[in-house]
Amino acid sequence: MNKMELIEKVAQDSQLKVSEAKKAVESLINTVIGSLKAGDDIALAGLGIFKVKERKARAARNPKTGEIIQVPAGKRIAFKVSSGLKKEIK
């Protein structure tokens, strides 16, 4: 499912106009992005938890040349699936 299909499904399920559903979905996405940028976790009951994790600097090997390179520290987004969703998928 892509973004437009999601918007259409939200519009259909909530009996909103597509333009209203689009605003709602885009607002949700922007809120999630803004919260993650601020370093906040986002817990959505029944879905899971989005969080930003720090990654330490490390040495890695370039597989093509075998050269050891330094990978800088950084941040990554992690998603932990809720147990309820895991049960639904299985």
Protein backbone atom coordinates (compact mmCIF):
# COMPACT_ATOMS: atom_id res chain seq x y z
CA MET A 1 0.00 0.00 0.00
CA ASN A 2 1.39 3.39 -0.92
CA LYS A 3 0.56 6.80 0.57
CA MET A 4 -2.28 7.58 -1.84
CA GLU A 5 -3.89 4.19 -1.27
CA LEU A 6 -3.64 4.80 2.47
CA ILE A 7 -5.30 8.21 2.08
CA GLU A 8 -8.13 6.68 0.03
CA LYS A 9 -8.64 3.92 2.61
CA VAL A 10 -8.73 6.45 5.48
CA ALA A 11 -11.25 8.55 3.53
CA GLN A 12 -13.43 5.52 2.88
CA ASP A 13 -13.29 4.17 6.45
CA SER A 14 -13.85 7.53 8.15
CA GLN A 15 -16.34 8.91 5.62
CA LEU A 16 -14.15 11.95 4.96
CA LYS A 17 -13.43 13.65 1.69
CA VAL A 18 -10.15 12.53 0.12
CA SER A 19 -8.73 16.03 0.61
CA GLU A 20 -9.56 15.91 4.33
CA ALA A 21 -8.08 12.42 4.71
CA LYS A 22 -4.95 13.59 2.89
CA LYS A 23 -4.54 16.45 5.39
CA ALA A 24 -5.00 14.01 8.29
CA VAL A 25 -2.48 11.47 6.98
CA GLU A 26 0.08 14.15 6.13
CA SER A 27 -0.41 15.73 9.55
CA LEU A 28 0.24 12.36 11.19
CA ILE A 29 3.39 11.81 9.14
CA ASN A 30 4.70 15.32 9.86
CA THR A 31 3.97 14.93 13.57
CA VAL A 32 5.86 11.62 13.70
CA ILE A 33 8.83 13.13 11.85
CA GLY A 34 8.86 16.22 14.07
CA SER A 35 8.71 14.16 17.25
CA LEU A 36 11.52 11.86 16.11
CA LYS A 37 13.66 14.89 15.17
CA ALA A 38 13.09 16.23 18.69
CA GLY A 39 14.26 12.90 20.12
CA ASP A 40 10.85 11.81 21.41
CA ASP A 41 9.54 8.25 21.21
CA ILE A 42 6.18 7.61 19.58
CA ALA A 43 4.08 4.77 20.94
CA LEU A 44 1.03 3.79 18.92
CA ALA A 45 -1.06 1.22 20.76
CA GLY A 46 -1.66 -1.84 18.62
CA LEU A 47 1.10 -0.88 16.18
CA GLY A 48 4.39 -0.33 17.96
CA ILE A 49 6.99 2.17 19.11
CA PHE A 50 9.15 4.43 16.95
CA LYS A 51 12.34 5.68 18.61
CA VAL A 52 15.63 7.29 17.70
CA LYS A 53 18.71 5.34 18.77
CA GLU A 54 22.30 6.53 18.92
CA ARG A 55 24.83 4.50 16.98
CA LYS A 56 28.45 4.55 18.16
CA ALA A 57 31.36 5.28 15.83
CA ARG A 58 33.00 2.09 14.62
CA ALA A 59 35.54 0.66 12.25
CA ALA A 60 34.24 -1.20 9.21
CA ARG A 61 35.76 -2.89 6.20
CA ASN A 62 35.09 -1.85 2.62
CA PRO A 63 34.07 -5.18 1.02
CA LYS A 64 35.35 -4.15 -2.38
CA THR A 65 38.87 -3.07 -1.39
CA GLY A 66 39.26 -4.64 2.06
CA GLU A 67 40.31 -1.23 3.40
CA ILE A 68 39.32 -0.43 6.98
CA ILE A 69 37.31 2.76 7.24
CA GLN A 70 35.85 4.70 10.15
CA VAL A 71 32.07 4.97 10.26
CA PRO A 72 31.03 8.05 12.24
CA ALA A 73 28.56 8.01 15.10
CA GLY A 74 25.01 8.75 14.09
CA LYS A 75 21.35 8.25 14.78
CA ARG A 76 18.94 5.70 13.38
CA ILE A 77 15.23 5.15 13.63
CA ALA A 78 14.09 1.93 15.24
CA PHE A 79 10.60 0.44 15.24
CA LYS A 80 9.51 -2.16 17.75
CA VAL A 81 6.34 -3.99 16.73
CA SER A 82 3.65 -4.41 19.39
CA SER A 83 2.88 -7.90 20.60
CA GLY A 84 -0.74 -7.53 19.46
CA LEU A 85 0.34 -6.81 15.88
CA LYS A 86 2.77 -9.73 15.95
CA LYS A 87 -0.09 -12.02 16.94
CA GLU A 88 -2.33 -10.62 14.18
CA ILE A 89 0.32 -11.25 11.51
CA LYS A 90 1.10 -14.79 12.64
